[in-house]
PDB file of N, CA and C in Angstrom:
ATOM      1  N   MET A   1     163.941 -49.534-111.463  1.00  0.00           N
ATOM      2  CA  MET A   1     162.813 -48.471-111.765  1.00  0.00           C
ATOM      3  C   MET A   1     161.598 -49.120-112.349  1.00  0.00           C
ATOM      4  N   SER A   2     160.531 -48.897-112.184  1.00  0.00           N
ATOM      5  CA  SER A   2     159.583 -49.346-112.767  1.00  0.00           C
ATOM      6  C   SER A   2     158.582 -48.323-113.604  1.00  0.00           C
ATOM      7  N   LEU A   3     158.723 -47.276-113.542  1.00  0.00           N
ATOM      8  CA  LEU A   3     158.060 -46.306-114.170  1.00  0.00           C
ATOM      9  C   LEU A   3     159.069 -45.465-115.128  1.00  0.00           C
ATOM     10  N   GLY A   4     158.585 -45.621-116.466  1.00  0.00           N
ATOM     11  CA  GLY A   4     159.224 -44.633-117.427  1.00  0.00           C
ATOM     12  C   GLY A   4     158.650 -43.209-117.669  1.00  0.00           C
ATOM     13  N   LEU A   5     159.384 -42.102-117.812  1.00  0.00           N
ATOM     14  CA  LEU A   5     158.863 -40.914-117.877  1.00  0.00           C
ATOM     15  C   LEU A   5     159.420 -40.291-119.121  1.00  0.00           C
ATOM     16  N   TYR A   6     158.592 -39.841-120.090  1.00  0.00           N
ATOM     17  CA  TYR A   6     159.031 -39.179-121.206  1.00  0.00           C
ATOM     18  C   TYR A   6     158.504 -37.716-121.146  1.00  0.00           C
ATOM     19  N   LEU A   7     159.111 -36.732-121.524  1.00  0.00           N
ATOM     20  CA  LEU A   7     158.742 -35.320-121.716  1.00  0.00           C
ATOM     21  C   LEU A   7     159.058 -34.812-122.958  1.00  0.00           C
ATOM     22  N   ALA A   8     158.174 -33.714-123.516  1.00  0.00           N
ATOM     23  CA  ALA A   8     158.484 -33.057-124.607  1.00  0.00           C
ATOM     24  C   ALA A   8     157.852 -31.773-124.356  1.00  0.00           C
ATOM     25  N   CYS A   9     158.482 -30.851-124.905  1.00  0.00           N
ATOM     26  CA  CYS A   9     158.276 -29.387-125.013  1.00  0.00           C
ATOM     27  C   CYS A   9     156.908 -29.102-125.508  1.00  0.00           C
ATOM     28  N   ALA A  10     156.044 -28.438-124.774  1.00  0.00           N
ATOM     29  CA  ALA A  10     154.657 -28.134-125.112  1.00  0.00           C
ATOM     30  C   ALA A  10     154.596 -26.739-125.751  1.00  0.00           C
ATOM     31  N   GLU A  11     154.103 -26.527-126.685  1.00  0.00           N
ATOM     32  CA  GLU A  11     153.872 -25.205-127.481  1.00  0.00           C
ATOM     33  C   GLU A  11     153.297 -24.093-126.376  1.00  0.00           C
ATOM     34  N   ASN A  12     153.626 -22.863-126.835  1.00  0.00           N
ATOM     35  CA  ASN A  12     153.708 -21.669-125.730  1.00  0.00           C
ATOM     36  C   ASN A  12     152.311 -21.577-125.367  1.00  0.00           C
ATOM     37  N   SER A  13     151.520 -21.772-126.377  1.00  0.00           N
ATOM     38  CA  SER A  13     150.045 -21.058-125.809  1.00  0.00           C
ATOM     39  C   SER A  13     149.309 -22.369-125.387  1.00  0.00           C
ATOM     40  N   ALA A  14     149.859 -23.684-125.762  1.00  0.00           N
ATOM     41  CA  ALA A  14     148.876 -24.789-125.377  1.00  0.00           C
ATOM     42  C   ALA A  14     149.069 -25.085-123.861  1.00  0.00           C
ATOM     43  N   LYS A  15     148.351 -25.750-123.301  1.00  0.00           N
ATOM     44  CA  LYS A  15     148.549 -26.055-121.953  1.00  0.00           C
ATOM     45  C   LYS A  15     149.280 -27.665-121.986  1.00  0.00           C
ATOM     46  N   PRO A  16     149.950 -27.804-121.066  1.00  0.00           N
ATOM     47  CA  PRO A  16     150.628 -29.500-121.130  1.00  0.00           C
ATOM     48  C   PRO A  16     149.447 -30.238-121.060  1.00  0.00           C
ATOM     49  N   ASP A  17     149.911 -31.475-121.588  1.00  0.00           N
ATOM     50  CA  ASP A  17     149.029 -32.746-121.813  1.00  0.00           C
ATOM     51  C   ASP A  17     149.783 -34.082-121.170  1.00  0.00           C
ATOM     52  N   LEU A  18     149.059 -34.813-120.431  1.00  0.00           N
ATOM     53  CA  LEU A  18     149.518 -35.904-119.705  1.00  0.00           C
ATOM     54  C   LEU A  18     148.632 -37.548-120.346  1.00  0.00           C
ATOM     55  N   GLY A  19     149.945 -38.206-120.623  1.00  0.00           N
ATOM     56  CA  GLY A  19     149.575 -39.578-121.123  1.00  0.00           C
ATOM     57  C   GLY A  19     149.927 -40.564-120.090  1.00  0.00           C
ATOM     58  N   LEU A  20     149.072 -41.762-120.084  1.00  0.00           N
ATOM     59  CA  LEU A  20     149.326 -42.630-119.126  1.00  0.00           C
ATOM     60  C   LEU A  20     149.268 -44.007-119.745  1.00  0.00           C
ATOM     61  N   ALA A  21     150.322 -44.980-119.522  1.00  0.00           N
ATOM     62  CA  ALA A  21     150.027 -46.448-120.297  1.00  0.00           C
ATOM     63  C   ALA A  21     150.488 -47.356-118.619  1.00  0.00           C
ATOM     64  N   VAL A  22     149.320 -47.910-118.384  1.00  0.00           N
ATOM     65  CA  VAL A  22     149.522 -48.754-117.203  1.00  0.00           C
ATOM     66  C   VAL A  22     148.752 -50.196-117.963  1.00  0.00           C
ATOM     67  N   ALA A  23     149.694 -50.922-118.333  1.00  0.00           N
ATOM     68  CA  ALA A  23     149.102 -52.451-119.288  1.00  0.00           C
ATOM     69  C   ALA A  23     148.404 -53.303-118.278  1.00  0.00           C
ATOM     70  N   LYS A  24     147.384 -54.127-118.614  1.00  0.00           N
ATOM     71  CA  LYS A  24     146.878 -54.863-117.609  1.00  0.00           C
ATOM     72  C   LYS A  24     147.723 -56.205-117.401  1.00  0.00           C
ATOM     73  N   LYS A  25     148.793 -56.439-118.411  1.00  0.00           N
ATOM     74  CA  LYS A  25     149.694 -57.405-118.161  1.00  0.00           C
ATOM     75  C   LYS A  25     150.639 -57.021-117.238  1.00  0.00           C
ATOM     76  N   LEU A  26     150.651 -55.926-116.837  1.00  0.00           N
ATOM     77  CA  LEU A  26     151.878 -55.374-115.686  1.00  0.00           C
ATOM     78  C   LEU A  26     150.830 -55.275-114.264  1.00  0.00           C
ATOM     79  N   ALA A  27     149.659 -54.851-114.432  1.00  0.00           N
ATOM     80  CA  ALA A  27     148.811 -54.950-113.140  1.00  0.00           C
ATOM     81  C   ALA A  27     147.465 -55.505-113.485  1.00  0.00           C
ATOM     82  N   LYS A  28     147.343 -56.629-113.094  1.00  0.00           N
ATOM     83  CA  LYS A  28     146.306 -57.235-113.167  1.00  0.00           C
ATOM     84  C   LYS A  28     144.701 -56.929-112.805  1.00  0.00           C
ATOM     85  N   ARG A  29     144.681 -56.239-111.655  1.00  0.00           N
ATOM     86  CA  ARG A  29     143.585 -55.905-111.420  1.00  0.00           C
ATOM     87  C   ARG A  29     143.258 -54.211-111.626  1.00  0.00           C
ATOM     88  N   ALA A  30     141.893 -54.064-112.067  1.00  0.00           N
ATOM     89  CA  ALA A  30     141.271 -52.755-112.555  1.00  0.00           C
ATOM     90  C   ALA A  30     141.795 -51.744-111.419  1.00  0.00           C
ATOM     91  N   VAL A  31     141.488 -52.169-110.204  1.00  0.00           N
ATOM     92  CA  VAL A  31     141.412 -51.480-108.907  1.00  0.00           C
ATOM     93  C   VAL A  31     142.824 -50.683-108.999  1.00  0.00           C
ATOM     94  N   ASP A  32     143.816 -51.732-109.173  1.00  0.00           N
ATOM     95  CA  ASP A  32     145.203 -51.155-108.905  1.00  0.00           C
ATOM     96  C   ASP A  32     145.650 -50.210-110.141  1.00  0.00           C
ATOM     97  N   ARG A  33     145.274 -50.663-111.431  1.00  0.00           N
ATOM     98  CA  ARG A  33     145.813 -49.839-112.523  1.00  0.00           C
ATOM     99  C   ARG A  33     145.028 -48.520-112.215  1.00  0.00           C
ATOM    100  N   ASN A  34     143.902 -48.478-111.944  1.00  0.00           N
ATOM    101  CA  ASN A  34     143.207 -46.891-111.493  1.00  0.00           C
ATOM    102  C   ASN A  34     143.961 -46.329-110.529  1.00  0.00           C
ATOM    103  N   LYS A  35     144.182 -46.900-109.660  1.00  0.00           N
ATOM    104  CA  LYS A  35     145.046 -46.370-108.163  1.00  0.00           C
ATOM    105  C   LYS A  35     146.372 -45.679-108.947  1.00  0.00           C
ATOM    106  N   ILE A  36     146.855 -46.733-109.445  1.00  0.00           N
ATOM    107  CA  ILE A  36     148.365 -45.959-109.864  1.00  0.00           C
ATOM    108  C   ILE A  36     147.961 -44.932-110.992  1.00  0.00           C
ATOM    109  N   LYS A  37     146.956 -44.978-111.638  1.00  0.00           N
ATOM    110  CA  LYS A  37     146.638 -43.868-112.757  1.00  0.00           C
ATOM    111  C   LYS A  37     146.535 -42.588-111.947  1.00  0.00           C
ATOM    112  N   ARG A  38     145.689 -42.702-110.797  1.00  0.00           N
ATOM    113  CA  ARG A  38     144.986 -41.477-109.908  1.00  0.00           C
ATOM    114  C   ARG A  38     146.051 -40.946-109.312  1.00  0.00           C
ATOM    115  N   MET A  39     147.116 -41.888-108.742  1.00  0.00           N
ATOM    116  CA  MET A  39     148.322 -41.300-108.132  1.00  0.00           C
ATOM    117  C   MET A  39     149.212 -40.496-109.075  1.00  0.00           C
ATOM    118  N   ILE A  40     149.545 -41.197-110.487  1.00  0.00           N
ATOM    119  CA  ILE A  40     150.556 -40.508-111.234  1.00  0.00           C
ATOM    120  C   ILE A  40     149.697 -38.878-111.563  1.00  0.00           C
ATOM    121  N   ARG A  41     148.574 -39.022-112.164  1.00  0.00           N
ATOM    122  CA  ARG A  41     147.719 -37.722-112.367  1.00  0.00           C
ATOM    123  C   ARG A  41     148.028 -36.773-111.254  1.00  0.00           C
ATOM    124  N   GLN A  42     147.820 -36.971-110.089  1.00  0.00           N
ATOM    125  CA  GLN A  42     147.976 -36.106-108.969  1.00  0.00           C
ATOM    126  C   GLN A  42     149.572 -35.445-108.943  1.00  0.00           C
ATOM    127  N   LEU A  43     150.268 -36.258-109.105  1.00  0.00           N
ATOM    128  CA  LEU A  43     151.910 -35.796-109.057  1.00  0.00           C
ATOM    129  C   LEU A  43     152.039 -34.942-110.053  1.00  0.00           C
ATOM    130  N   VAL A  44     151.818 -35.354-111.512  1.00  0.00           N
ATOM    131  CA  VAL A  44     152.335 -34.648-112.579  1.00  0.00           C
ATOM    132  C   VAL A  44     151.269 -33.393-112.674  1.00  0.00           C
ATOM    133  N   TRP A  45     150.293 -33.510-112.269  1.00  0.00           N
ATOM    134  CA  TRP A  45     149.344 -32.168-112.290  1.00  0.00           C
ATOM    135  C   TRP A  45     149.688 -31.088-111.370  1.00  0.00           C
ATOM    136  N   ALA A  46     150.218 -31.532-110.084  1.00  0.00           N
ATOM    137  CA  ALA A  46     150.861 -30.442-109.156  1.00  0.00           C
ATOM    138  C   ALA A  46     152.364 -30.071-109.713  1.00  0.00           C
ATOM    139  N   ALA A  47     152.985 -30.883-110.401  1.00  0.00           N
ATOM    140  CA  ALA A  47     154.178 -30.212-110.915  1.00  0.00           C
ATOM    141  C   ALA A  47     154.116 -29.591-112.105  1.00  0.00           C
ATOM    142  N   GLN A  48     152.963 -29.529-113.001  1.00  0.00           N
ATOM    143  CA  GLN A  48     152.739 -29.017-113.822  1.00  0.00           C
ATOM    144  C   GLN A  48     152.224 -27.819-113.657  1.00  0.00           C
ATOM    145  N   SER A  49     151.665 -27.481-112.428  1.00  0.00           N
ATOM    146  CA  SER A  49     150.967 -26.257-112.196  1.00  0.00           C
ATOM    147  C   SER A  49     151.832 -25.380-111.283  1.00  0.00           C
ATOM    148  N   SER A  50     153.180 -25.949-110.777  1.00  0.00           N
ATOM    149  CA  SER A  50     154.133 -24.948-110.201  1.00  0.00           C
ATOM    150  C   SER A  50     155.107 -24.706-111.120  1.00  0.00           C
ATOM    151  N   ASP A  51     156.028 -25.798-111.929  1.00  0.00           N
ATOM    152  CA  ASP A  51     157.184 -25.113-112.370  1.00  0.00           C
ATOM    153  C   ASP A  51     157.024 -26.080-113.731  1.00  0.00           C
ATOM    154  N   LEU A  52     156.541 -27.220-114.091  1.00  0.00           N
ATOM    155  CA  LEU A  52     156.762 -28.098-115.132  1.00  0.00           C
ATOM    156  C   LEU A  52     155.747 -27.962-116.322  1.00  0.00           C
ATOM    157  N   LYS A  53     156.438 -27.152-117.435  1.00  0.00           N
ATOM    158  CA  LYS A  53     155.580 -26.736-118.494  1.00  0.00           C
ATOM    159  C   LYS A  53     155.931 -27.779-119.649  1.00  0.00           C
ATOM    160  N   ALA A  54     155.617 -28.844-119.771  1.00  0.00           N
ATOM    161  CA  ALA A  54     155.955 -29.704-120.530  1.00  0.00           C
ATOM    162  C   ALA A  54     154.821 -30.968-120.708  1.00  0.00           C
ATOM    163  N   ASP A  55     154.566 -31.460-121.946  1.00  0.00           N
ATOM    164  CA  ASP A  55     154.017 -32.697-121.842  1.00  0.00           C
ATOM    165  C   ASP A  55     154.351 -33.865-121.264  1.00  0.00           C
ATOM    166  N   VAL A  56     153.887 -34.860-120.594  1.00  0.00           N
ATOM    167  CA  VAL A  56     154.420 -35.791-119.913  1.00  0.00           C
ATOM    168  C   VAL A  56     153.547 -37.202-120.612  1.00  0.00           C
ATOM    169  N   VAL A  57     154.408 -38.340-120.562  1.00  0.00           N
ATOM    170  CA  VAL A  57     153.964 -39.572-120.828  1.00  0.00           C
ATOM    171  C   VAL A  57     154.799 -40.616-119.848  1.00  0.00           C
ATOM    172  N   VAL A  58     153.741 -41.185-119.123  1.00  0.00           N
ATOM    173  CA  VAL A  58     154.424 -42.087-118.229  1.00  0.00           C
ATOM    174  C   VAL A  58     153.725 -43.481-118.349  1.00  0.00           C
ATOM    175  N   LYS A  59     154.666 -44.361-118.560  1.00  0.00           N
ATOM    176  CA  LYS A  59     154.589 -45.834-118.473  1.00  0.00           C
ATOM    177  C   LYS A  59     154.869 -46.864-117.543  1.00  0.00           C
ATOM    178  N   LEU A  60     154.214 -47.533-117.208  1.00  0.00           N
ATOM    179  CA  LEU A  60     154.596 -48.428-116.263  1.00  0.00           C
ATOM    180  C   LEU A  60     155.649 -49.683-116.966  1.00  0.00           C
ATOM    181  N   LYS A  61     156.506 -49.851-116.581  1.00  0.00           N
ATOM    182  CA  LYS A  61     157.562 -50.809-117.157  1.00  0.00           C
ATOM    183  C   LYS A  61     157.489 -52.298-116.545  1.00  0.00           C
ATOM    184  N   LYS A  62     157.452 -52.220-115.165  1.00  0.00           N
ATOM    185  CA  LYS A  62     157.442 -53.603-114.603  1.00  0.00           C
ATOM    186  C   LYS A  62     156.378 -53.900-113.766  1.00  0.00           C
ATOM    187  N   PRO A  63     155.941 -55.314-113.884  1.00  0.00           N
ATOM    188  CA  PRO A  63     154.755 -55.674-113.109  1.00  0.00           C
ATOM    189  C   PRO A  63     154.881 -55.296-111.430  1.00  0.00           C
ATOM    190  N   VAL A  64     153.404 -55.147-111.129  1.00  0.00           N
ATOM    191  CA  VAL A  64     153.566 -54.838-109.398  1.00  0.00           C
ATOM    192  C   VAL A  64     152.504 -55.885-108.958  1.00  0.00           C
ATOM    193  N   GLY A  65     152.688 -56.250-107.711  1.00  0.00           N
ATOM    194  CA  GLY A  65     151.744 -56.979-107.172  1.00  0.00           C
ATOM    195  C   GLY A  65     152.255 -58.535-107.321  1.00  0.00           C
ATOM    196  N   ARG A  66     153.189 -58.483-107.537  1.00  0.00           N
ATOM    197  CA  ARG A  66     153.840 -60.285-107.462  1.00  0.00           C
ATOM    198  C   ARG A  66     154.022 -60.831-106.599  1.00  0.00           C
ATOM    199  N   GLU A  67     154.736 -60.131-105.564  1.00  0.00           N
ATOM    200  CA  GLU A  67     154.693 -61.054-104.121  1.00  0.00           C
ATOM    201  C   GLU A  67     153.426 -61.017-103.379  1.00  0.00           C
ATOM    202  N   SER A  68     152.342 -60.294-103.586  1.00  0.00           N
ATOM    203  CA  SER A  68     151.135 -60.215-103.000  1.00  0.00           C
ATOM    204  C   SER A  68     150.168 -60.793-103.973  1.00  0.00           C
ATOM    205  N   LYS A  69     150.268 -61.645-104.908  1.00  0.00           N
ATOM    206  CA  LYS A  69     149.358 -62.466-105.314  1.00  0.00           C
ATOM    207  C   LYS A  69     148.701 -61.404-106.299  1.00  0.00           C
ATOM    208  N   GLY A  70     149.127 -60.849-107.086  1.00  0.00           N
ATOM    209  CA  GLY A  70     148.296 -59.681-108.054  1.00  0.00           C
ATOM    210  C   GLY A  70     147.761 -58.558-107.290  1.00  0.00           C
ATOM    211  N   ARG A  71     147.877 -58.139-105.949  1.00  0.00           N
ATOM    212  CA  ARG A  71     147.262 -57.042-105.493  1.00  0.00           C
ATOM    213  C   ARG A  71     148.320 -56.060-105.189  1.00  0.00           C
ATOM    214  N   LEU A  72     147.913 -54.872-105.278  1.00  0.00           N
ATOM    215  CA  LEU A  72     148.989 -53.799-105.023  1.00  0.00           C
ATOM    216  C   LEU A  72     148.723 -53.526-103.528  1.00  0.00           C
ATOM    217  N   ARG A  73     149.848 -53.246-103.100  1.00  0.00           N
ATOM    218  CA  ARG A  73     149.881 -52.919-101.448  1.00  0.00           C
ATOM    219  C   ARG A  73     150.407 -51.529-101.176  1.00  0.00           C
ATOM    220  N   LYS A  74     150.061 -51.034-100.316  1.00  0.00           N
ATOM    221  CA  LYS A  74     150.417 -49.899 -99.802  1.00  0.00           C
ATOM    222  C   LYS A  74     151.920 -49.577 -99.993  1.00  0.00           C
ATOM    223  N   LYS A  75     152.712 -50.695 -99.466  1.00  0.00           N
ATOM    224  CA  LYS A  75     154.208 -50.484 -99.565  1.00  0.00           C
ATOM    225  C   LYS A  75     154.645 -50.153-101.199  1.00  0.00           C
ATOM    226  N   GLU A  76     154.123 -50.905-101.861  1.00  0.00           N
ATOM    227  CA  GLU A  76     154.496 -51.023-103.440  1.00  0.00           C
ATOM    228  C   GLU A  76     154.013 -49.570-103.845  1.00  0.00           C
ATOM    229  N   LEU A  77     152.549 -48.914-103.658  1.00  0.00           N
ATOM    230  CA  LEU A  77     152.351 -47.793-104.220  1.00  0.00           C
ATOM    231  C   LEU A  77     152.894 -46.678-103.593  1.00  0.00           C
ATOM    232  N   THR A  78     153.594 -46.506-102.342  1.00  0.00           N
ATOM    233  CA  THR A  78     154.290 -45.605-101.966  1.00  0.00           C
ATOM    234  C   THR A  78     155.662 -45.517-102.731  1.00  0.00           C
ATOM    235  N   LEU A  79     156.115 -46.950-102.725  1.00  0.00           N
ATOM    236  CA  LEU A  79     157.508 -46.976-103.696  1.00  0.00           C
ATOM    237  C   LEU A  79     157.259 -46.446-104.924  1.00  0.00           C
ATOM    238  N   LEU A  80     156.259 -46.759-105.815  1.00  0.00           N
ATOM    239  CA  LEU A  80     155.764 -45.945-106.792  1.00  0.00           C
ATOM    240  C   LEU A  80     155.685 -44.638-106.890  1.00  0.00           C
ATOM    241  N   ARG A  81     155.086 -44.029-105.598  1.00  0.00           N
ATOM    242  CA  ARG A  81     154.764 -42.682-105.422  1.00  0.00           C
ATOM    243  C   ARG A  81     156.309 -41.770-105.433  1.00  0.00           C
ATOM    244  N   THR A  82     157.334 -42.507-104.689  1.00  0.00           N
ATOM    245  CA  THR A  82     158.518 -41.900-104.256  1.00  0.00           C
ATOM    246  C   THR A  82     159.609 -41.860-105.620  1.00  0.00           C
ATOM    247  N   GLN A  83     159.449 -42.948-106.453  1.00  0.00           N
ATOM    248  CA  GLN A  83     160.152 -42.962-107.796  1.00  0.00           C
ATOM    249  C   GLN A  83     159.393 -41.963-108.842  1.00  0.00           C
ATOM    250  N   MET A  84     158.195 -41.560-108.789  1.00  0.00           N
ATOM    251  CA  MET A  84     157.612 -40.799-109.696  1.00  0.00           C
ATOM    252  C   MET A  84     157.999 -39.106-109.439  1.00  0.00           C
ATOM    253  N   ALA A  85     158.014 -39.111-107.920  1.00  0.00           N
ATOM    254  CA  ALA A  85     158.680 -37.756-107.395  1.00  0.00           C
ATOM    255  C   ALA A  85     159.843 -37.605-107.576  1.00  0.00           C
ATOM    256  N   GLY A  86     160.592 -38.476-107.580  1.00  0.00           N
ATOM    257  CA  GLY A  86     162.295 -38.386-108.100  1.00  0.00           C
ATOM    258  C   GLY A  86     162.028 -38.206-109.528  1.00  0.00           C
ATOM    259  N   LEU A  87     161.308 -38.559-110.615  1.00  0.00           N
ATOM    260  CA  LEU A  87     161.359 -38.356-112.068  1.00  0.00           C
ATOM    261  C   LEU A  87     161.111 -36.886-112.261  1.00  0.00           C
ATOM    262  N   LEU A  88     160.292 -36.726-111.533  1.00  0.00           N
ATOM    263  CA  LEU A  88     159.568 -35.086-111.907  1.00  0.00           C
ATOM    264  C   LEU A  88     160.749 -34.521-111.177  1.00  0.00           C
TER     265      LEU A  88
END
C-alpha cells in the first residue's frame, strides 16, 4: 500500500476538510505530485459529497516512478487510483 488514509469526525455544522501530503522525496517531479494530488482530490470530494462526512488526510508513503526513471506512468496512476478508491 503506497497511500495512507486518516479520517476524523467533522463537526456537525462544519463542512469536511481535506489534507494532502505528497513529499518531493517520494515523487520527484512536480508534475507527478500535482497529478497525484488532483486525482486524490477528485476521489475524496466525490466520496464526501455522497456519503463520507469526515475530515480526510491522505499521505503518500512509498515512492512512485522508480521503475520509469522518476516519471509517473499511467499504470502507476491507475494503481494509486484503485488503492485510494479501496480506502474510501
